[in-house]
Amino acid sequence: MRLAYPRSQTEVLHGVSVSIEPEAMTAIIGPNACGKSTLLKTFGRILQAHEGHTTLGGRPVREYGAKEFARLVGMLPQSATAPAGITVADLVSRGRYPHQGLMRQWSGRDEAAVAEAMERTGTREIAGRPVASLSGGQRQRVWIAMVLAQQTEILLLDEPTTFLDLTHQIDVLELCRELVDGYGTTIVAVLHDLNQAGRYADRIVAMRDGQLVASGTPAEVITAETVKAVFDLDCRIIPDPEAGTPLVVPKAGAHSGPVDRTAAP
């Protein structure tokens, strides 16, 4: 897959080929501006590659109707914007839009889906508040609730832990594991924290400069060699004492300088 933004014509993704494992959580990692969010947007058909294509169930995503696709794939973008004056409950309820139609209006099933999504994200107690009045962390949880209310088989999450304190970061990632393990949801998430990616993801995709550097299990991808290649960071990898997953421990003075965006990985 190759992709360039129309206005700049600068290629952002270069020959990337990725298969996402169903009913598993995949984390996309890499330095800023390496193409993580761009790749996620191609999965969510917000962007279309000019060479190659994205398929879902063997079918190009561009062939799906808008509501049909939205019933299968939910996406939380990096910078979501709520309509002026909308309340938390109203925003979360919009997650049910793909399930509405001329012959099917709001139902008890929709009400239950919204209530469950708000309960899981701890947003029920702020249901009546305007979204604009919330803190960054609260807003992020509300957006996650809206995506959960959509009840899709696939979730695409672009930096879902942004603006959250550590406790709520863990809550979101534990929720992701619950959705995967308990409901068979397929999740693809852009994450910045390597140790969180290693602990919670089943698969990891590592990128640099718009190219795929490594893809595999956390043990296969989170190695001292790959961390060095992707982040220019010297580190040790030790077992996480709680989970046994790879834990990145930077060496003293480990950063060897800014990432050279012109170098091949």
C-alpha atoms as a PDB file:
ATOM      1  CA  MET A   1       0.000   0.000   0.000  1.00  0.00           C
ATOM      2  CA  ARG A   2       1.189   3.500  -0.869  1.00  0.00           C
ATOM      3  CA  LEU A   3      -0.556   6.715   0.112  1.00  0.00           C
ATOM      4  CA  ALA A   4       0.083  10.416  -0.379  1.00  0.00           C
ATOM      5  CA  TYR A   5      -2.060  13.297   0.867  1.00  0.00           C
ATOM      6  CA  PRO A   6      -3.660  15.006  -2.160  1.00  0.00           C
ATOM      7  CA  ARG A   7      -2.523  18.570  -1.463  1.00  0.00           C
ATOM      8  CA  SER A   8       1.119  17.860  -0.697  1.00  0.00           C
ATOM      9  CA  GLN A   9       1.586  14.789  -2.937  1.00  0.00           C
ATOM     10  CA  THR A  10       4.195  13.716  -0.372  1.00  0.00           C
ATOM     11  CA  GLU A  11       4.011   9.980   0.086  1.00  0.00           C
ATOM     12  CA  VAL A  12       3.183   9.085   3.686  1.00  0.00           C
ATOM     13  CA  LEU A  13       2.977   5.280   3.425  1.00  0.00           C
ATOM     14  CA  HIS A  14       5.524   3.380   1.356  1.00  0.00           C
ATOM     15  CA  GLY A  15       4.783  -0.206   0.392  1.00  0.00           C
ATOM     16  CA  VAL A  16       3.020  -1.095   3.655  1.00  0.00           C
ATOM     17  CA  SER A  17       1.342  -4.511   3.748  1.00  0.00           C
ATOM     18  CA  VAL A  18      -0.423  -5.494   6.974  1.00  0.00           C
ATOM     19  CA  SER A  19      -2.920  -8.212   7.863  1.00  0.00           C
ATOM     20  CA  ILE A  20      -4.986  -7.708  11.016  1.00  0.00           C
ATOM     21  CA  GLU A  21      -5.729 -10.776  13.093  1.00  0.00           C
ATOM     22  CA  PRO A  22      -9.456 -11.130  13.857  1.00  0.00           C
ATOM     23  CA  GLU A  23     -10.697 -11.294  17.452  1.00  0.00           C
ATOM     24  CA  ALA A  24      -7.403  -9.900  18.710  1.00  0.00           C
ATOM     25  CA  MET A  25      -5.924  -6.539  19.702  1.00  0.00           C
ATOM     26  CA  THR A  26      -3.278  -5.048  17.437  1.00  0.00           C
ATOM     27  CA  ALA A  27      -1.242  -2.028  18.534  1.00  0.00           C
ATOM     28  CA  ILE A  28       0.427   0.280  16.011  1.00  0.00           C
ATOM     29  CA  ILE A  29       3.561   1.896  17.438  1.00  0.00           C
ATOM     30  CA  GLY A  30       6.254   4.230  16.153  1.00  0.00           C
ATOM     31  CA  PRO A  31       7.603   7.784  16.508  1.00  0.00           C
ATOM     32  CA  ASN A  32       5.526  10.868  15.732  1.00  0.00           C
ATOM     33  CA  ALA A  33       4.725  11.448  12.054  1.00  0.00           C
ATOM     34  CA  CYS A  34       5.688   7.903  11.048  1.00  0.00           C
ATOM     35  CA  GLY A  35       2.298   7.115   9.471  1.00  0.00           C
ATOM     36  CA  LYS A  36       0.497   5.345  12.350  1.00  0.00           C
ATOM     37  CA  SER A  37      -2.696   7.403  12.177  1.00  0.00           C
ATOM     38  CA  THR A  38      -2.586   7.455   8.384  1.00  0.00           C
ATOM     39  CA  LEU A  39      -2.536   3.665   8.310  1.00  0.00           C
ATOM     40  CA  LEU A  40      -5.466   3.519  10.737  1.00  0.00           C
ATOM     41  CA  LYS A  41      -7.426   5.968   8.558  1.00  0.00           C
ATOM     42  CA  THR A  42      -6.971   3.710   5.542  1.00  0.00           C
ATOM     43  CA  PHE A  43      -8.428   0.843   7.580  1.00  0.00           C
ATOM     44  CA  GLY A  44     -11.401   3.091   8.405  1.00  0.00           C
ATOM     45  CA  ARG A  45     -11.619   4.256   4.757  1.00  0.00           C
ATOM     46  CA  ILE A  46     -11.201   7.883   5.726  1.00  0.00           C
ATOM     47  CA  LEU A  47      -8.203   7.837   3.387  1.00  0.00           C
ATOM     48  CA  GLN A  48      -7.731   5.760   0.261  1.00  0.00           C
ATOM     49  CA  ALA A  49      -4.382   4.471  -0.939  1.00  0.00           C
ATOM     50  CA  HIS A  50      -3.328   5.537  -4.442  1.00  0.00           C
ATOM     51  CA  GLU A  51      -1.598   2.187  -4.868  1.00  0.00           C
ATOM     52  CA  GLY A  52      -2.928  -0.991  -3.284  1.00  0.00           C
ATOM     53  CA  HIS A  53      -6.158  -1.360  -1.356  1.00  0.00           C
ATOM     54  CA  THR A  54      -7.749  -2.178   1.986  1.00  0.00           C
ATOM     55  CA  THR A  55     -10.077  -5.151   2.250  1.00  0.00           C
ATOM     56  CA  LEU A  56     -12.502  -6.383   4.889  1.00  0.00           C
ATOM     57  CA  GLY A  57     -13.685  -9.962   4.643  1.00  0.00           C
ATOM     58  CA  GLY A  58     -12.009 -10.217   1.246  1.00  0.00           C
ATOM     59  CA  ARG A  59     -13.986  -7.234  -0.068  1.00  0.00           C
ATOM     60  CA  PRO A  60     -12.502  -3.758  -0.768  1.00  0.00           C
ATOM     61  CA  VAL A  61     -13.735  -1.382   1.938  1.00  0.00           C
ATOM     62  CA  ARG A  62     -14.758   1.196  -0.676  1.00  0.00           C
ATOM     63  CA  GLU A  63     -17.465  -1.221  -1.888  1.00  0.00           C
ATOM     64  CA  TYR A  64     -19.367  -1.121   1.421  1.00  0.00           C
ATOM     65  CA  GLY A  65     -22.255   1.272   1.879  1.00  0.00           C
ATOM     66  CA  ALA A  66     -21.746   3.929   4.570  1.00  0.00           C
ATOM     67  CA  LYS A  67     -24.159   2.448   7.126  1.00  0.00           C
ATOM     68  CA  GLU A  68     -23.171  -1.110   6.270  1.00  0.00           C
ATOM     69  CA  PHE A  69     -19.528  -0.296   6.967  1.00  0.00           C
ATOM     70  CA  ALA A  70     -20.412   1.621  10.145  1.00  0.00           C
ATOM     71  CA  ARG A  71     -22.245  -1.410  11.504  1.00  0.00           C
ATOM     72  CA  LEU A  72     -19.026  -3.402  11.148  1.00  0.00           C
ATOM     73  CA  VAL A  73     -16.288  -0.862  11.942  1.00  0.00           C
ATOM     74  CA  GLY A  74     -16.254   1.814  14.643  1.00  0.00           C
ATOM     75  CA  MET A  75     -13.521   4.443  14.669  1.00  0.00           C
ATOM     76  CA  LEU A  76     -12.358   6.867  17.337  1.00  0.00           C
ATOM     77  CA  PRO A  77     -10.267   9.553  15.607  1.00  0.00           C
ATOM     78  CA  GLN A  78      -7.439  11.404  17.281  1.00  0.00           C
ATOM     79  CA  SER A  79      -9.174  14.798  17.414  1.00  0.00           C
ATOM     80  CA  ALA A  80     -12.920  14.259  17.543  1.00  0.00           C
ATOM     81  CA  THR A  81     -15.150  17.355  17.670  1.00  0.00           C
ATOM     82  CA  ALA A  82     -18.583  17.393  19.282  1.00  0.00           C
ATOM     83  CA  PRO A  83     -21.439  19.604  18.020  1.00  0.00           C
ATOM     84  CA  ALA A  84     -21.945  22.767  20.060  1.00  0.00           C
ATOM     85  CA  GLY A  85     -24.193  22.343  23.097  1.00  0.00           C
ATOM     86  CA  ILE A  86     -24.572  18.568  22.836  1.00  0.00           C
ATOM     87  CA  THR A  87     -24.808  16.605  26.080  1.00  0.00           C
ATOM     88  CA  VAL A  88     -22.894  13.468  26.956  1.00  0.00           C
ATOM     89  CA  ALA A  89     -25.961  11.221  26.652  1.00  0.00           C
ATOM     90  CA  ASP A  90     -26.869  12.678  23.248  1.00  0.00           C
ATOM     91  CA  LEU A  91     -23.353  12.211  21.903  1.00  0.00           C
ATOM     92  CA  VAL A  92     -23.109   8.616  23.086  1.00  0.00           C
ATOM     93  CA  SER A  93     -26.542   7.945  21.558  1.00  0.00           C
ATOM     94  CA  ARG A  94     -25.185   8.950  18.155  1.00  0.00           C
ATOM     95  CA  GLY A  95     -23.227   5.721  18.186  1.00  0.00           C
ATOM     96  CA  ARG A  96     -26.513   3.983  17.391  1.00  0.00           C
ATOM     97  CA  TYR A  97     -27.020   5.915  14.125  1.00  0.00           C
ATOM     98  CA  PRO A  98     -25.820   3.051  11.854  1.00  0.00           C
ATOM     99  CA  HIS A  99     -28.541   0.831  13.327  1.00  0.00           C
ATOM    100  CA  GLN A 100     -31.375   3.254  12.547  1.00  0.00           C
ATOM    101  CA  GLY A 101     -33.405   3.328   9.356  1.00  0.00           C
ATOM    102  CA  LEU A 102     -36.818   3.936   7.854  1.00  0.00           C
ATOM    103  CA  MET A 103     -38.113   0.664   9.249  1.00  0.00           C
ATOM    104  CA  ARG A 104     -36.184   0.705  12.486  1.00  0.00           C
ATOM    105  CA  GLN A 105     -36.296   3.603  14.903  1.00  0.00           C
ATOM    106  CA  TRP A 106     -34.945   4.018  18.439  1.00  0.00           C
ATOM    107  CA  SER A 107     -35.630   0.925  20.535  1.00  0.00           C
ATOM    108  CA  GLY A 108     -35.019  -0.618  23.920  1.00  0.00           C
ATOM    109  CA  ARG A 109     -31.987  -2.357  22.430  1.00  0.00           C
ATOM    110  CA  ASP A 110     -30.506   1.018  21.519  1.00  0.00           C
ATOM    111  CA  GLU A 111     -31.217   2.338  25.004  1.00  0.00           C
ATOM    112  CA  ALA A 112     -29.511  -0.682  26.558  1.00  0.00           C
ATOM    113  CA  ALA A 113     -26.457  -0.336  24.295  1.00  0.00           C
ATOM    114  CA  VAL A 114     -26.006   3.318  25.281  1.00  0.00           C
ATOM    115  CA  ALA A 115     -26.479   2.585  28.990  1.00  0.00           C
ATOM    116  CA  GLU A 116     -23.952  -0.270  28.866  1.00  0.00           C
ATOM    117  CA  ALA A 117     -21.387   1.852  27.004  1.00  0.00           C
ATOM    118  CA  MET A 118     -21.684   4.663  29.553  1.00  0.00           C
ATOM    119  CA  GLU A 119     -21.477   2.233  32.453  1.00  0.00           C
ATOM    120  CA  ARG A 120     -18.295   0.651  31.088  1.00  0.00           C
ATOM    121  CA  THR A 121     -16.602   4.009  30.554  1.00  0.00           C
ATOM    122  CA  GLY A 122     -17.713   5.590  33.826  1.00  0.00           C
ATOM    123  CA  THR A 123     -19.630   8.361  32.077  1.00  0.00           C
ATOM    124  CA  ARG A 124     -23.138   7.659  33.355  1.00  0.00           C
ATOM    125  CA  GLU A 125     -22.853  10.171  36.177  1.00  0.00           C
ATOM    126  CA  ILE A 126     -22.092  12.993  33.708  1.00  0.00           C
ATOM    127  CA  ALA A 127     -24.786  12.023  31.170  1.00  0.00           C
ATOM    128  CA  GLY A 128     -26.595  15.351  31.376  1.00  0.00           C
ATOM    129  CA  ARG A 129     -23.550  17.599  31.164  1.00  0.00           C
ATOM    130  CA  PRO A 130     -22.549  19.460  27.993  1.00  0.00           C
ATOM    131  CA  VAL A 131     -19.549  17.789  26.378  1.00  0.00           C
ATOM    132  CA  ALA A 132     -17.848  21.193  26.077  1.00  0.00           C
ATOM    133  CA  SER A 133     -17.804  21.537  29.879  1.00  0.00           C
ATOM    134  CA  LEU A 134     -15.767  18.370  30.431  1.00  0.00           C
ATOM    135  CA  SER A 135     -12.064  17.907  30.994  1.00  0.00           C
ATOM    136  CA  GLY A 136      -9.956  16.388  28.232  1.00  0.00           C
ATOM    137  CA  GLY A 137      -9.933  13.036  29.983  1.00  0.00           C
ATOM    138  CA  GLN A 138     -13.691  13.022  30.491  1.00  0.00           C
ATOM    139  CA  ARG A 139     -14.293  13.926  26.849  1.00  0.00           C
ATOM    140  CA  GLN A 140     -12.063  11.053  25.726  1.00  0.00           C
ATOM    141  CA  ARG A 141     -14.069   8.609  27.804  1.00  0.00           C
ATOM    142  CA  VAL A 142     -17.312   9.963  26.305  1.00  0.00           C
ATOM    143  CA  TRP A 143     -16.018   9.447  22.766  1.00  0.00           C
ATOM    144  CA  ILE A 144     -14.994   5.911  23.661  1.00  0.00           C
ATOM    145  CA  ALA A 145     -18.510   5.344  25.035  1.00  0.00           C
ATOM    146  CA  MET A 146     -20.004   6.518  21.739  1.00  0.00           C
ATOM    147  CA  VAL A 147     -17.849   4.057  19.778  1.00  0.00           C
ATOM    148  CA  LEU A 148     -18.778   1.237  22.170  1.00  0.00           C
ATOM    149  CA  ALA A 149     -22.485   2.049  21.763  1.00  0.00           C
ATOM    150  CA  GLN A 150     -22.028   1.407  18.046  1.00  0.00           C
ATOM    151  CA  GLN A 151     -21.473  -2.288  18.939  1.00  0.00           C
ATOM    152  CA  THR A 152     -19.277  -3.121  15.968  1.00  0.00           C
ATOM    153  CA  GLU A 153     -17.152  -6.207  15.358  1.00  0.00           C
ATOM    154  CA  ILE A 154     -14.095  -4.023  14.718  1.00  0.00           C
ATOM    155  CA  LEU A 155     -12.838  -0.991  16.634  1.00  0.00           C
ATOM    156  CA  LEU A 156     -10.178   1.405  15.322  1.00  0.00           C
ATOM    157  CA  LEU A 157      -8.801   3.592  18.117  1.00  0.00           C
ATOM    158  CA  ASP A 158      -6.394   6.435  17.358  1.00  0.00           C
ATOM    159  CA  GLU A 159      -4.493   7.147  20.582  1.00  0.00           C
ATOM    160  CA  PRO A 160      -7.411   6.209  22.863  1.00  0.00           C
ATOM    161  CA  THR A 161      -5.437   6.937  26.045  1.00  0.00           C
ATOM    162  CA  THR A 162      -4.624  10.547  25.093  1.00  0.00           C
ATOM    163  CA  PHE A 163      -5.555  13.066  27.822  1.00  0.00           C
ATOM    164  CA  LEU A 164      -6.226  10.274  30.331  1.00  0.00           C
ATOM    165  CA  ASP A 165      -4.427   9.932  33.635  1.00  0.00           C
ATOM    166  CA  LEU A 166      -2.670   6.630  34.303  1.00  0.00           C
ATOM    167  CA  THR A 167      -5.615   5.031  36.094  1.00  0.00           C
ATOM    168  CA  HIS A 168      -7.994   5.758  33.233  1.00  0.00           C
ATOM    169  CA  GLN A 169      -5.418   4.681  30.654  1.00  0.00           C
ATOM    170  CA  ILE A 170      -5.336   1.274  32.318  1.00  0.00           C
ATOM    171  CA  ASP A 171      -9.154   1.251  32.527  1.00  0.00           C
ATOM    172  CA  VAL A 172      -9.411   1.817  28.757  1.00  0.00           C
ATOM    173  CA  LEU A 173      -6.845  -0.859  27.941  1.00  0.00           C
ATOM    174  CA  GLU A 174      -8.467  -3.338  30.335  1.00  0.00           C
ATOM    175  CA  LEU A 175     -11.769  -2.587  28.604  1.00  0.00           C
ATOM    176  CA  CYS A 176     -10.134  -3.339  25.248  1.00  0.00           C
ATOM    177  CA  ARG A 177      -8.984  -6.710  26.582  1.00  0.00           C
ATOM    178  CA  GLU A 178     -12.486  -7.413  27.903  1.00  0.00           C
ATOM    179  CA  LEU A 179     -13.991  -6.668  24.481  1.00  0.00           C
ATOM    180  CA  VAL A 180     -11.477  -8.923  22.736  1.00  0.00           C
ATOM    181  CA  ASP A 181     -11.525 -11.802  25.223  1.00  0.00           C
ATOM    182  CA  GLY A 182     -15.209 -11.695  26.147  1.00  0.00           C
ATOM    183  CA  TYR A 183     -16.885 -10.563  22.931  1.00  0.00           C
ATOM    184  CA  GLY A 184     -14.444 -11.447  20.154  1.00  0.00           C
ATOM    185  CA  THR A 185     -14.036  -7.824  19.106  1.00  0.00           C
ATOM    186  CA  THR A 186     -11.172  -7.013  16.749  1.00  0.00           C
ATOM    187  CA  ILE A 187      -9.293  -3.902  17.930  1.00  0.00           C
ATOM    188  CA  VAL A 188      -6.592  -1.898  16.192  1.00  0.00           C
ATOM    189  CA  ALA A 189      -5.182   0.913  18.347  1.00  0.00           C
ATOM    190  CA  VAL A 190      -2.446   3.491  17.871  1.00  0.00           C
ATOM    191  CA  LEU A 191      -0.501   3.579  21.146  1.00  0.00           C
ATOM    192  CA  HIS A 192       2.535   5.561  22.289  1.00  0.00           C
ATOM    193  CA  ASP A 193       3.441   3.598  25.409  1.00  0.00           C
ATOM    194  CA  LEU A 194       5.483   0.551  24.380  1.00  0.00           C
ATOM    195  CA  ASN A 195       5.035  -1.163  27.718  1.00  0.00           C
ATOM    196  CA  GLN A 196       1.267  -0.800  27.575  1.00  0.00           C
ATOM    197  CA  ALA A 197       1.297  -2.081  23.989  1.00  0.00           C
ATOM    198  CA  GLY A 198       3.391  -5.049  25.066  1.00  0.00           C
ATOM    199  CA  ARG A 199       1.109  -5.898  27.961  1.00  0.00           C
ATOM    200  CA  TYR A 200      -2.306  -5.493  26.352  1.00  0.00           C
ATOM    201  CA  ALA A 201      -1.891  -6.195  22.624  1.00  0.00           C
ATOM    202  CA  ASP A 202      -1.813  -9.613  20.984  1.00  0.00           C
ATOM    203  CA  ARG A 203      -0.002  -8.273  17.935  1.00  0.00           C
ATOM    204  CA  ILE A 204       2.160  -5.211  17.332  1.00  0.00           C
ATOM    205  CA  VAL A 205       2.889  -3.303  14.134  1.00  0.00           C
ATOM    206  CA  ALA A 206       6.005  -1.102  14.362  1.00  0.00           C
ATOM    207  CA  MET A 207       6.489   1.719  11.851  1.00  0.00           C
ATOM    208  CA  ARG A 208       9.049   4.336  10.976  1.00  0.00           C
ATOM    209  CA  ASP A 209       9.063   6.881   8.146  1.00  0.00           C
ATOM    210  CA  GLY A 210       5.899   5.474   6.595  1.00  0.00           C
ATOM    211  CA  GLN A 211       7.283   1.962   6.342  1.00  0.00           C
ATOM    212  CA  LEU A 212       6.658  -1.264   8.187  1.00  0.00           C
ATOM    213  CA  VAL A 213       9.638  -2.176  10.384  1.00  0.00           C
ATOM    214  CA  ALA A 214       8.265  -5.197  12.230  1.00  0.00           C
ATOM    215  CA  SER A 215       5.005  -7.038  12.809  1.00  0.00           C
ATOM    216  CA  GLY A 216       4.257  -9.907  15.169  1.00  0.00           C
ATOM    217  CA  THR A 217       3.661 -10.772  18.790  1.00  0.00           C
ATOM    218  CA  PRO A 218       4.943  -8.426  21.527  1.00  0.00           C
ATOM    219  CA  ALA A 219       7.859 -10.789  22.184  1.00  0.00           C
ATOM    220  CA  GLU A 220       8.778 -10.767  18.500  1.00  0.00           C
ATOM    221  CA  VAL A 221       8.515  -6.997  18.000  1.00  0.00           C
ATOM    222  CA  ILE A 222       9.542  -5.429  21.311  1.00  0.00           C
ATOM    223  CA  THR A 223      13.225  -6.227  21.224  1.00  0.00           C
ATOM    224  CA  ALA A 224      16.215  -4.005  21.913  1.00  0.00           C
ATOM    225  CA  GLU A 225      17.088  -4.126  18.203  1.00  0.00           C
ATOM    226  CA  THR A 226      13.636  -3.076  17.002  1.00  0.00           C
ATOM    227  CA  VAL A 227      13.278  -0.314  19.601  1.00  0.00           C
ATOM    228  CA  LYS A 228      16.636   1.031  18.465  1.00  0.00           C
ATOM    229  CA  ALA A 229      15.640   0.843  14.786  1.00  0.00           C
ATOM    230  CA  VAL A 230      12.260   2.504  15.328  1.00  0.00           C
ATOM    231  CA  PHE A 231      12.951   5.044  18.092  1.00  0.00           C
ATOM    232  CA  ASP A 232      16.774   5.442  18.124  1.00  0.00           C
ATOM    233  CA  LEU A 233      16.625   4.391  21.765  1.00  0.00           C
ATOM    234  CA  ASP A 234      19.101   2.113  23.502  1.00  0.00           C
ATOM    235  CA  CYS A 235      17.298  -0.075  26.004  1.00  0.00           C
ATOM    236  CA  ARG A 236      17.102  -3.358  27.821  1.00  0.00           C
ATOM    237  CA  ILE A 237      14.090  -5.640  27.524  1.00  0.00           C
ATOM    238  CA  ILE A 238      13.116  -7.447  30.705  1.00  0.00           C
ATOM    239  CA  PRO A 239       9.992  -9.459  31.623  1.00  0.00           C
ATOM    240  CA  ASP A 240       7.194  -7.382  33.109  1.00  0.00           C
ATOM    241  CA  PRO A 241       7.049  -8.610  36.747  1.00  0.00           C
ATOM    242  CA  GLU A 242       3.235  -8.624  36.657  1.00  0.00           C
ATOM    243  CA  ALA A 243       2.382  -9.869  33.169  1.00  0.00           C
ATOM    244  CA  GLY A 244       5.602 -11.457  31.932  1.00  0.00           C
ATOM    245  CA  THR A 245       5.355  -9.374  28.747  1.00  0.00           C
ATOM    246  CA  PRO A 246       8.316  -7.415  27.298  1.00  0.00           C
ATOM    247  CA  LEU A 247       9.172  -4.346  29.383  1.00  0.00           C
ATOM    248  CA  VAL A 248      11.311  -1.591  27.842  1.00  0.00           C
ATOM    249  CA  VAL A 249      13.911  -0.110  30.210  1.00  0.00           C
ATOM    250  CA  PRO A 250      15.834   2.775  28.584  1.00  0.00           C
ATOM    251  CA  LYS A 251      19.537   2.902  29.290  1.00  0.00           C
ATOM    252  CA  ALA A 252      21.027   6.007  30.868  1.00  0.00           C
ATOM    253  CA  GLY A 253      21.620   8.592  28.144  1.00  0.00           C
ATOM    254  CA  ALA A 254      19.922   6.140  25.799  1.00  0.00           C
ATOM    255  CA  HIS A 255      18.534   8.504  23.173  1.00  0.00           C
ATOM    256  CA  SER A 256      21.075   8.865  20.407  1.00  0.00           C
ATOM    257  CA  GLY A 257      19.506  11.977  18.924  1.00  0.00           C
ATOM    258  CA  PRO A 258      16.504  12.941  16.813  1.00  0.00           C
ATOM    259  CA  VAL A 259      15.125  10.344  14.448  1.00  0.00           C
ATOM    260  CA  ASP A 260      16.546  10.830  10.941  1.00  0.00           C
ATOM    261  CA  ARG A 261      13.412  11.004   8.805  1.00  0.00           C
ATOM    262  CA  THR A 262      15.443  10.479   5.624  1.00  0.00           C
ATOM    263  CA  ALA A 263      17.080   7.237   6.714  1.00  0.00           C
ATOM    264  CA  ALA A 264      15.739   3.823   5.848  1.00  0.00           C
ATOM    265  CA  PRO A 265      14.654   1.736   8.828  1.00  0.00           C
END
